[in-house]
């Protein structure tokens, strides 16, 4: 544990580390599927193509994210108010997270969000405990651009405080 003076010095600096804004989609292995606003996603490898995803330990979605399971990662565009607002509120496990959102089925059977700039499909390879989050390593198996990639302008998120969302 760090002392308050050190914490106060770290907070504004750590919070300004930029991250993209994404909607992580996963299923429970049955009929339930959900989407979660996620901003701690980062490319981790060129070959094979892999990303890391950090999910707060308090999220029920962690029960669904097991090695080998499929996910989709939908990249949100700068200025988007629809996907950010819709998925930012969170959903209970039995709620229809995709009501009112235009989707297409990915090759892995999970929704791809048409309002996103692009969607990536992948499988969980491993996970590691990281304080109050769990970090998942995801192997990317497919990608779909929902608009011309040369027009991509991603939503980048920075926080005022590095100790809260």
N, C-alpha and C. Protein backbone atom coordinates (compact mmCIF):
# COMPACT_ATOMS: atom_id res chain seq x y z
N UNK A 1 0.84 -1.18 0.00
CA UNK A 1 0.00 0.00 0.00
C UNK A 1 0.89 1.24 0.00
N UNK A 2 0.48 2.24 -0.75
CA UNK A 2 1.26 3.47 -0.79
C UNK A 2 0.63 4.52 0.12
N UNK A 3 1.47 5.44 0.58
CA UNK A 3 0.95 6.48 1.47
C UNK A 3 0.16 7.51 0.67
N UNK A 4 -0.65 8.32 1.36
CA UNK A 4 -1.56 9.27 0.71
C UNK A 4 -0.81 10.31 -0.12
N UNK A 5 0.32 10.77 0.36
CA UNK A 5 1.08 11.79 -0.38
C UNK A 5 1.54 11.23 -1.73
N UNK A 6 2.04 10.00 -1.73
CA UNK A 6 2.46 9.36 -2.97
C UNK A 6 1.27 9.12 -3.88
N UNK A 7 0.17 8.65 -3.30
CA UNK A 7 -1.05 8.42 -4.07
C UNK A 7 -1.53 9.71 -4.74
N UNK A 8 -1.52 10.80 -4.00
CA UNK A 8 -1.95 12.10 -4.55
C UNK A 8 -1.05 12.55 -5.69
N UNK A 9 0.24 12.21 -5.63
CA UNK A 9 1.16 12.58 -6.70
C UNK A 9 0.96 11.70 -7.94
N UNK A 10 0.65 10.43 -7.72
CA UNK A 10 0.47 9.49 -8.83
C UNK A 10 -0.86 9.71 -9.56
N UNK A 11 -1.92 10.01 -8.83
CA UNK A 11 -3.28 10.06 -9.38
C UNK A 11 -3.43 10.89 -10.66
N UNK A 12 -3.02 12.16 -10.69
CA UNK A 12 -3.25 12.94 -11.90
C UNK A 12 -2.37 12.52 -13.07
N UNK A 13 -1.21 11.96 -12.78
CA UNK A 13 -0.30 11.53 -13.84
C UNK A 13 -0.79 10.21 -14.45
N UNK A 14 -1.09 9.24 -13.62
CA UNK A 14 -1.57 7.94 -14.08
C UNK A 14 -2.88 8.06 -14.84
N UNK A 15 -3.74 8.95 -14.38
CA UNK A 15 -5.03 9.14 -15.04
C UNK A 15 -4.93 9.67 -16.45
N UNK A 16 -3.83 10.30 -16.79
CA UNK A 16 -3.67 10.88 -18.12
C UNK A 16 -3.05 9.91 -19.12
N UNK A 17 -2.83 8.67 -18.71
CA UNK A 17 -2.37 7.65 -19.66
C UNK A 17 -3.56 7.35 -20.58
N UNK A 18 -3.42 7.63 -21.88
CA UNK A 18 -4.57 7.46 -22.78
C UNK A 18 -4.87 5.99 -23.06
N UNK A 19 -6.13 5.73 -23.29
CA UNK A 19 -6.56 4.39 -23.70
C UNK A 19 -7.74 4.54 -24.65
N UNK A 20 -7.93 3.55 -25.48
CA UNK A 20 -9.06 3.56 -26.40
C UNK A 20 -10.34 3.20 -25.67
N UNK A 21 -11.44 3.37 -26.36
CA UNK A 21 -12.75 2.99 -25.82
C UNK A 21 -13.31 1.89 -26.71
N UNK A 22 -13.71 0.81 -26.07
CA UNK A 22 -14.17 -0.38 -26.77
C UNK A 22 -15.42 -0.93 -26.08
N UNK A 23 -16.16 -1.75 -26.80
CA UNK A 23 -17.23 -2.54 -26.20
C UNK A 23 -16.81 -4.00 -26.32
N UNK A 24 -16.58 -4.61 -25.16
CA UNK A 24 -16.22 -6.01 -25.09
C UNK A 24 -17.50 -6.83 -25.05
N UNK A 25 -17.63 -7.81 -25.93
CA UNK A 25 -18.81 -8.67 -25.99
C UNK A 25 -18.39 -10.10 -25.69
N UNK A 26 -19.15 -10.75 -24.82
CA UNK A 26 -18.87 -12.15 -24.46
C UNK A 26 -20.19 -12.86 -24.15
N UNK A 27 -20.13 -14.17 -24.13
CA UNK A 27 -21.29 -14.98 -23.80
C UNK A 27 -20.98 -15.91 -22.64
N UNK A 28 -22.03 -16.48 -22.09
CA UNK A 28 -21.89 -17.37 -20.93
C UNK A 28 -21.70 -18.83 -21.33
N UNK A 29 -21.55 -19.08 -22.63
CA UNK A 29 -21.44 -20.46 -23.10
C UNK A 29 -22.79 -21.04 -23.45
N UNK A 30 -23.86 -20.33 -23.11
CA UNK A 30 -25.23 -20.74 -23.43
C UNK A 30 -25.88 -19.68 -24.29
N UNK A 31 -27.06 -19.23 -23.86
CA UNK A 31 -27.81 -18.25 -24.64
C UNK A 31 -27.54 -16.80 -24.25
N UNK A 32 -26.93 -16.57 -23.11
CA UNK A 32 -26.73 -15.20 -22.64
C UNK A 32 -25.48 -14.57 -23.26
N UNK A 33 -25.64 -13.31 -23.68
CA UNK A 33 -24.55 -12.52 -24.23
C UNK A 33 -24.68 -11.11 -23.66
N UNK A 34 -23.56 -10.44 -23.50
CA UNK A 34 -23.61 -9.08 -23.00
C UNK A 34 -22.47 -8.27 -23.57
N UNK A 35 -22.55 -6.96 -23.38
CA UNK A 35 -21.51 -6.04 -23.79
C UNK A 35 -21.10 -5.18 -22.62
N UNK A 36 -19.83 -4.83 -22.57
CA UNK A 36 -19.26 -4.08 -21.46
C UNK A 36 -18.36 -2.99 -22.02
N UNK A 37 -18.54 -1.76 -21.58
CA UNK A 37 -17.65 -0.67 -21.94
C UNK A 37 -16.28 -0.96 -21.34
N UNK A 38 -15.26 -0.96 -22.17
CA UNK A 38 -13.90 -1.28 -21.71
C UNK A 38 -12.92 -0.28 -22.31
N UNK A 39 -12.04 0.24 -21.49
CA UNK A 39 -11.05 1.17 -22.03
C UNK A 39 -9.61 0.70 -21.83
N UNK A 40 -9.41 -0.37 -21.11
CA UNK A 40 -8.05 -0.87 -20.91
C UNK A 40 -7.80 -2.07 -21.80
N UNK A 41 -7.70 -1.80 -23.09
CA UNK A 41 -7.41 -2.81 -24.10
C UNK A 41 -6.20 -2.32 -24.87
N UNK A 42 -5.23 -3.21 -25.05
CA UNK A 42 -3.98 -2.81 -25.69
C UNK A 42 -3.42 -3.96 -26.52
N UNK A 43 -2.88 -3.65 -27.71
CA UNK A 43 -2.21 -4.67 -28.49
C UNK A 43 -1.02 -5.18 -27.70
N UNK A 44 -0.83 -6.50 -27.70
CA UNK A 44 0.24 -7.12 -26.92
C UNK A 44 1.24 -7.89 -27.78
N UNK A 45 0.88 -8.24 -29.01
CA UNK A 45 1.74 -9.06 -29.84
C UNK A 45 1.41 -8.85 -31.31
N UNK A 46 2.46 -8.87 -32.15
CA UNK A 46 2.26 -8.83 -33.60
C UNK A 46 1.95 -10.23 -34.13
N UNK A 47 2.76 -11.21 -33.74
CA UNK A 47 2.63 -12.56 -34.24
C UNK A 47 2.71 -13.57 -33.10
N UNK A 48 1.63 -14.19 -32.74
CA UNK A 48 0.30 -14.03 -33.31
C UNK A 48 -0.32 -12.70 -32.85
N UNK A 49 -1.31 -12.20 -33.59
CA UNK A 49 -1.95 -10.96 -33.16
C UNK A 49 -2.73 -11.18 -31.86
N UNK A 50 -2.37 -10.40 -30.83
CA UNK A 50 -3.01 -10.56 -29.52
C UNK A 50 -3.20 -9.19 -28.88
N UNK A 51 -4.21 -9.10 -28.02
CA UNK A 51 -4.46 -7.91 -27.22
C UNK A 51 -4.65 -8.34 -25.77
N UNK A 52 -4.48 -7.37 -24.87
CA UNK A 52 -4.82 -7.59 -23.47
C UNK A 52 -6.06 -6.77 -23.15
N UNK A 53 -6.87 -7.31 -22.25
CA UNK A 53 -8.09 -6.64 -21.80
C UNK A 53 -8.11 -6.71 -20.29
N UNK A 54 -8.27 -5.56 -19.62
CA UNK A 54 -8.37 -5.53 -18.17
C UNK A 54 -9.84 -5.34 -17.79
N UNK A 55 -10.35 -6.24 -16.93
CA UNK A 55 -11.74 -6.19 -16.48
C UNK A 55 -11.75 -6.14 -14.95
N UNK A 56 -12.48 -5.19 -14.41
CA UNK A 56 -12.58 -5.05 -12.95
C UNK A 56 -13.09 -6.35 -12.36
N UNK A 57 -12.48 -6.76 -11.24
CA UNK A 57 -12.85 -8.02 -10.60
C UNK A 57 -14.30 -8.05 -10.13
N UNK A 58 -14.92 -6.90 -9.96
CA UNK A 58 -16.31 -6.86 -9.49
C UNK A 58 -17.31 -7.21 -10.59
N UNK A 59 -16.89 -7.32 -11.84
CA UNK A 59 -17.80 -7.59 -12.96
C UNK A 59 -18.12 -9.08 -13.08
N UNK A 60 -19.41 -9.40 -13.19
CA UNK A 60 -19.83 -10.80 -13.35
C UNK A 60 -19.27 -11.40 -14.62
N UNK A 61 -18.92 -10.58 -15.59
CA UNK A 61 -18.39 -11.07 -16.85
C UNK A 61 -17.14 -11.92 -16.65
N UNK A 62 -16.41 -11.70 -15.59
CA UNK A 62 -15.22 -12.52 -15.32
C UNK A 62 -15.56 -14.00 -15.19
N UNK A 63 -16.77 -14.32 -14.74
CA UNK A 63 -17.19 -15.72 -14.65
C UNK A 63 -17.34 -16.35 -16.02
N UNK A 64 -17.60 -15.53 -17.03
CA UNK A 64 -17.80 -16.02 -18.39
C UNK A 64 -16.49 -16.11 -19.17
N UNK A 65 -15.50 -15.32 -18.78
CA UNK A 65 -14.25 -15.22 -19.54
C UNK A 65 -13.27 -16.30 -19.09
N UNK A 66 -13.37 -17.44 -19.72
CA UNK A 66 -12.51 -18.57 -19.40
C UNK A 66 -11.61 -18.86 -20.61
N UNK A 67 -10.52 -19.55 -20.37
CA UNK A 67 -9.61 -19.87 -21.47
C UNK A 67 -10.35 -20.59 -22.59
N UNK A 68 -10.13 -20.11 -23.81
CA UNK A 68 -10.76 -20.69 -24.99
C UNK A 68 -12.06 -20.04 -25.40
N UNK A 69 -12.69 -19.29 -24.49
CA UNK A 69 -13.99 -18.70 -24.85
C UNK A 69 -13.79 -17.57 -25.87
N UNK A 70 -14.83 -17.33 -26.64
CA UNK A 70 -14.81 -16.30 -27.68
C UNK A 70 -15.23 -14.95 -27.12
N UNK A 71 -14.68 -13.90 -27.72
CA UNK A 71 -15.08 -12.52 -27.41
C UNK A 71 -15.06 -11.73 -28.71
N UNK A 72 -15.77 -10.61 -28.71
CA UNK A 72 -15.58 -9.61 -29.75
C UNK A 72 -15.22 -8.30 -29.06
N UNK A 73 -14.39 -7.54 -29.74
CA UNK A 73 -13.92 -6.25 -29.24
C UNK A 73 -14.29 -5.22 -30.31
N UNK A 74 -15.18 -4.30 -29.95
CA UNK A 74 -15.70 -3.32 -30.89
C UNK A 74 -15.12 -1.96 -30.58
N UNK A 75 -14.39 -1.38 -31.54
CA UNK A 75 -13.70 -0.11 -31.31
C UNK A 75 -14.65 1.05 -31.57
N UNK A 76 -14.79 1.92 -30.57
CA UNK A 76 -15.71 3.04 -30.61
C UNK A 76 -15.04 4.25 -31.26
N UNK A 77 -15.79 4.96 -32.09
CA UNK A 77 -15.28 6.13 -32.79
C UNK A 77 -15.32 7.38 -31.91
N UNK A 78 -14.39 8.29 -32.16
CA UNK A 78 -14.37 9.59 -31.48
C UNK A 78 -15.70 10.28 -31.71
N UNK A 79 -16.23 10.88 -30.66
CA UNK A 79 -17.48 11.61 -30.77
C UNK A 79 -18.72 10.75 -30.64
N UNK A 80 -18.55 9.44 -30.54
CA UNK A 80 -19.70 8.55 -30.40
C UNK A 80 -20.39 8.82 -29.07
N UNK A 81 -21.69 9.00 -29.11
CA UNK A 81 -22.45 9.15 -27.90
C UNK A 81 -23.42 8.00 -27.69
N UNK A 82 -23.60 7.19 -28.71
CA UNK A 82 -24.58 6.12 -28.66
C UNK A 82 -24.03 4.88 -27.95
N UNK A 83 -22.97 4.30 -28.48
CA UNK A 83 -22.42 3.08 -27.88
C UNK A 83 -21.87 3.34 -26.48
N UNK A 84 -21.18 4.47 -26.32
CA UNK A 84 -20.59 4.81 -25.02
C UNK A 84 -21.67 4.91 -23.95
N UNK A 85 -22.73 5.63 -24.27
CA UNK A 85 -23.83 5.81 -23.30
C UNK A 85 -24.57 4.49 -23.06
N UNK A 86 -24.88 3.78 -24.13
CA UNK A 86 -25.66 2.55 -24.02
C UNK A 86 -24.93 1.50 -23.17
N UNK A 87 -23.67 1.23 -23.47
CA UNK A 87 -22.95 0.18 -22.77
C UNK A 87 -22.31 0.67 -21.48
N UNK A 88 -22.17 1.98 -21.32
CA UNK A 88 -21.59 2.54 -20.11
C UNK A 88 -22.45 2.33 -18.88
N UNK A 89 -23.75 2.14 -19.07
CA UNK A 89 -24.65 1.96 -17.92
C UNK A 89 -24.55 0.57 -17.31
N UNK A 90 -24.02 -0.40 -18.06
CA UNK A 90 -23.90 -1.76 -17.56
C UNK A 90 -25.21 -2.52 -17.63
N UNK A 91 -25.11 -3.83 -17.60
CA UNK A 91 -26.28 -4.69 -17.73
C UNK A 91 -26.19 -5.85 -16.76
N UNK A 92 -27.35 -6.28 -16.27
CA UNK A 92 -27.44 -7.49 -15.47
C UNK A 92 -27.27 -8.68 -16.42
N UNK A 93 -26.86 -9.84 -15.92
CA UNK A 93 -26.60 -10.98 -16.79
C UNK A 93 -27.77 -11.39 -17.68
N UNK A 94 -29.00 -11.23 -17.22
CA UNK A 94 -30.15 -11.67 -18.01
C UNK A 94 -30.76 -10.57 -18.88
N UNK A 95 -30.18 -9.38 -18.87
CA UNK A 95 -30.70 -8.26 -19.66
C UNK A 95 -30.23 -8.38 -21.11
N UNK A 96 -31.04 -7.85 -22.04
CA UNK A 96 -30.67 -7.81 -23.44
C UNK A 96 -29.82 -6.56 -23.67
N UNK A 97 -28.52 -6.74 -23.65
CA UNK A 97 -27.59 -5.61 -23.80
C UNK A 97 -27.60 -5.02 -25.21
N UNK A 98 -28.18 -5.72 -26.16
CA UNK A 98 -28.12 -5.28 -27.55
C UNK A 98 -29.44 -4.72 -28.08
N UNK A 99 -30.43 -4.57 -27.20
CA UNK A 99 -31.71 -4.00 -27.61
C UNK A 99 -31.50 -2.58 -28.12
N UNK A 100 -31.95 -2.32 -29.34
CA UNK A 100 -31.83 -1.00 -29.94
C UNK A 100 -30.48 -0.73 -30.58
N UNK A 101 -29.59 -1.72 -30.61
CA UNK A 101 -28.26 -1.56 -31.19
C UNK A 101 -28.19 -2.46 -32.42
N UNK A 102 -27.75 -1.90 -33.54
CA UNK A 102 -27.67 -2.69 -34.77
C UNK A 102 -26.44 -3.61 -34.70
N UNK A 103 -26.69 -4.90 -34.89
CA UNK A 103 -25.62 -5.90 -34.80
C UNK A 103 -25.64 -6.81 -36.02
N UNK A 104 -24.51 -7.46 -36.24
CA UNK A 104 -24.41 -8.58 -37.17
C UNK A 104 -23.67 -9.67 -36.42
N UNK A 105 -23.94 -10.91 -36.77
CA UNK A 105 -23.26 -12.02 -36.11
C UNK A 105 -21.84 -12.16 -36.63
N UNK A 106 -20.90 -12.27 -35.70
CA UNK A 106 -19.53 -12.56 -36.08
C UNK A 106 -19.36 -14.03 -36.40
N UNK A 107 -18.22 -14.38 -36.92
CA UNK A 107 -17.96 -15.79 -37.25
C UNK A 107 -17.91 -16.66 -36.00
N UNK A 108 -17.70 -16.03 -34.83
CA UNK A 108 -17.68 -16.79 -33.57
C UNK A 108 -19.05 -16.85 -32.90
N UNK A 109 -20.08 -16.31 -33.57
CA UNK A 109 -21.44 -16.35 -33.04
C UNK A 109 -21.81 -15.21 -32.12
N UNK A 110 -20.85 -14.34 -31.82
CA UNK A 110 -21.13 -13.19 -30.96
C UNK A 110 -21.42 -11.96 -31.80
N UNK A 111 -22.17 -11.00 -31.24
CA UNK A 111 -22.50 -9.80 -32.00
C UNK A 111 -21.30 -8.91 -32.30
N UNK A 112 -21.31 -8.36 -33.50
CA UNK A 112 -20.42 -7.27 -33.89
C UNK A 112 -21.31 -6.03 -33.96
N UNK A 113 -20.85 -4.93 -33.41
CA UNK A 113 -21.66 -3.71 -33.35
C UNK A 113 -21.40 -2.86 -34.59
N UNK A 114 -22.42 -2.70 -35.43
CA UNK A 114 -22.27 -1.98 -36.69
C UNK A 114 -21.94 -0.51 -36.50
N UNK A 115 -22.30 0.08 -35.35
CA UNK A 115 -21.99 1.49 -35.11
C UNK A 115 -20.54 1.70 -34.69
N UNK A 116 -19.83 0.62 -34.41
CA UNK A 116 -18.40 0.72 -34.07
C UNK A 116 -17.60 0.96 -35.34
N UNK A 117 -16.39 1.48 -35.19
CA UNK A 117 -15.51 1.66 -36.36
C UNK A 117 -15.13 0.29 -36.92
N UNK A 118 -14.84 -0.63 -36.00
CA UNK A 118 -14.39 -1.96 -36.39
C UNK A 118 -14.64 -2.92 -35.24
N UNK A 119 -14.63 -4.21 -35.58
CA UNK A 119 -14.79 -5.26 -34.59
C UNK A 119 -13.70 -6.30 -34.79
N UNK A 120 -13.17 -6.80 -33.69
CA UNK A 120 -12.20 -7.89 -33.73
C UNK A 120 -12.79 -9.07 -32.98
N UNK A 121 -12.56 -10.25 -33.50
CA UNK A 121 -13.00 -11.47 -32.84
C UNK A 121 -11.78 -12.21 -32.33
N UNK A 122 -11.94 -12.87 -31.20
CA UNK A 122 -10.80 -13.60 -30.67
C UNK A 122 -11.20 -14.58 -29.59
N UNK A 123 -10.18 -15.23 -29.04
CA UNK A 123 -10.37 -16.23 -27.99
C UNK A 123 -9.44 -15.92 -26.83
N UNK A 124 -9.94 -16.12 -25.62
CA UNK A 124 -9.13 -15.93 -24.42
C UNK A 124 -8.04 -17.00 -24.40
N UNK A 125 -6.80 -16.58 -24.24
CA UNK A 125 -5.65 -17.47 -24.20
C UNK A 125 -5.21 -17.72 -22.76
N UNK A 126 -5.21 -16.65 -21.95
CA UNK A 126 -4.79 -16.77 -20.56
C UNK A 126 -5.28 -15.56 -19.78
N UNK A 127 -5.08 -15.63 -18.46
CA UNK A 127 -5.48 -14.52 -17.60
C UNK A 127 -4.49 -14.42 -16.44
N UNK A 128 -4.41 -13.20 -15.90
CA UNK A 128 -3.53 -12.96 -14.77
C UNK A 128 -4.21 -11.97 -13.82
N UNK A 129 -4.08 -12.22 -12.54
CA UNK A 129 -4.62 -11.30 -11.54
C UNK A 129 -3.75 -10.04 -11.55
N UNK A 130 -4.38 -8.89 -11.48
CA UNK A 130 -3.66 -7.62 -11.48
C UNK A 130 -4.37 -6.66 -10.53
N UNK A 131 -4.11 -6.78 -9.24
CA UNK A 131 -4.75 -5.90 -8.27
C UNK A 131 -6.26 -6.07 -8.30
N UNK A 132 -6.97 -4.97 -8.58
CA UNK A 132 -8.44 -5.01 -8.59
C UNK A 132 -9.01 -5.37 -9.97
N UNK A 133 -8.16 -5.76 -10.91
CA UNK A 133 -8.58 -6.17 -12.25
C UNK A 133 -8.02 -7.54 -12.58
N UNK A 134 -8.58 -8.15 -13.60
CA UNK A 134 -8.04 -9.37 -14.20
C UNK A 134 -7.67 -9.00 -15.63
N UNK A 135 -6.47 -9.37 -16.02
CA UNK A 135 -6.00 -9.08 -17.38
C UNK A 135 -6.10 -10.37 -18.19
N UNK A 136 -6.79 -10.26 -19.33
CA UNK A 136 -6.97 -11.38 -20.24
C UNK A 136 -6.12 -11.17 -21.49
N UNK A 137 -5.46 -12.23 -21.92
CA UNK A 137 -4.75 -12.22 -23.19
C UNK A 137 -5.67 -12.86 -24.22
N UNK A 138 -5.92 -12.13 -25.31
CA UNK A 138 -6.86 -12.57 -26.34
C UNK A 138 -6.14 -12.70 -27.68
N UNK A 139 -6.22 -13.88 -28.29
CA UNK A 139 -5.70 -14.10 -29.64
C UNK A 139 -6.74 -13.64 -30.64
N UNK A 140 -6.39 -12.73 -31.51
CA UNK A 140 -7.32 -12.19 -32.50
C UNK A 140 -7.38 -13.15 -33.69
N UNK A 141 -8.61 -13.55 -34.05
CA UNK A 141 -8.81 -14.53 -35.12
C UNK A 141 -9.49 -13.95 -36.36
N UNK A 142 -10.13 -12.79 -36.22
CA UNK A 142 -10.83 -12.16 -37.35
C UNK A 142 -11.05 -10.69 -37.03
N UNK A 143 -11.23 -9.89 -38.08
CA UNK A 143 -11.53 -8.47 -37.90
C UNK A 143 -12.44 -7.99 -39.02
N UNK A 144 -13.31 -7.06 -38.66
CA UNK A 144 -14.25 -6.47 -39.62
C UNK A 144 -14.23 -4.97 -39.46
N UNK A 145 -13.93 -4.26 -40.55
CA UNK A 145 -14.02 -2.79 -40.54
C UNK A 145 -15.44 -2.42 -40.95
N UNK A 146 -16.12 -1.64 -40.10
CA UNK A 146 -17.49 -1.22 -40.40
C UNK A 146 -17.52 0.08 -41.19
N UNK A 147 -16.36 0.66 -41.41
CA UNK A 147 -16.20 1.84 -42.24
C UNK A 147 -14.81 1.77 -42.84
N UNK A 148 -14.50 2.66 -43.74
CA UNK A 148 -13.18 2.69 -44.37
C UNK A 148 -12.12 2.94 -43.29
N UNK A 149 -11.15 2.04 -43.19
CA UNK A 149 -10.13 2.13 -42.15
C UNK A 149 -9.34 3.44 -42.22
N UNK A 150 -9.23 4.04 -43.41
CA UNK A 150 -8.50 5.31 -43.52
C UNK A 150 -9.27 6.45 -42.86
N UNK A 151 -10.55 6.24 -42.55
CA UNK A 151 -11.37 7.25 -41.88
C UNK A 151 -11.45 7.05 -40.37
N UNK A 152 -10.79 6.01 -39.85
CA UNK A 152 -10.85 5.74 -38.41
C UNK A 152 -10.34 6.93 -37.61
N UNK A 153 -11.10 7.31 -36.63
CA UNK A 153 -10.71 8.32 -35.65
C UNK A 153 -11.19 7.79 -34.31
N UNK A 154 -10.35 7.03 -33.60
CA UNK A 154 -10.79 6.34 -32.40
C UNK A 154 -11.08 7.24 -31.22
N UNK A 155 -12.02 6.81 -30.42
CA UNK A 155 -12.35 7.46 -29.14
C UNK A 155 -11.21 7.14 -28.18
N UNK A 156 -10.52 8.19 -27.73
CA UNK A 156 -9.43 8.02 -26.78
C UNK A 156 -9.87 8.61 -25.45
N UNK A 157 -9.65 7.85 -24.39
CA UNK A 157 -10.12 8.23 -23.05
C UNK A 157 -8.93 8.52 -22.15
N UNK A 158 -9.01 9.64 -21.43
CA UNK A 158 -8.07 9.94 -20.35
C UNK A 158 -8.90 10.30 -19.13
N UNK A 159 -8.36 10.03 -17.97
CA UNK A 159 -9.06 10.29 -16.72
C UNK A 159 -8.34 11.38 -15.94
N UNK A 160 -9.05 12.05 -15.07
CA UNK A 160 -8.43 13.04 -14.20
C UNK A 160 -7.69 12.39 -13.05
N UNK A 161 -8.16 11.19 -12.67
CA UNK A 161 -7.63 10.50 -11.51
C UNK A 161 -7.25 9.07 -11.90
N UNK A 162 -6.02 8.69 -11.66
CA UNK A 162 -5.54 7.37 -12.01
C UNK A 162 -5.99 6.27 -11.06
N UNK A 163 -6.88 6.61 -10.12
CA UNK A 163 -7.36 5.61 -9.16
C UNK A 163 -8.86 5.37 -9.25
N UNK A 164 -9.49 5.89 -10.30
CA UNK A 164 -10.91 5.63 -10.51
C UNK A 164 -11.24 5.88 -11.97
N UNK A 165 -12.40 5.35 -12.39
CA UNK A 165 -12.81 5.51 -13.79
C UNK A 165 -13.21 6.90 -14.08
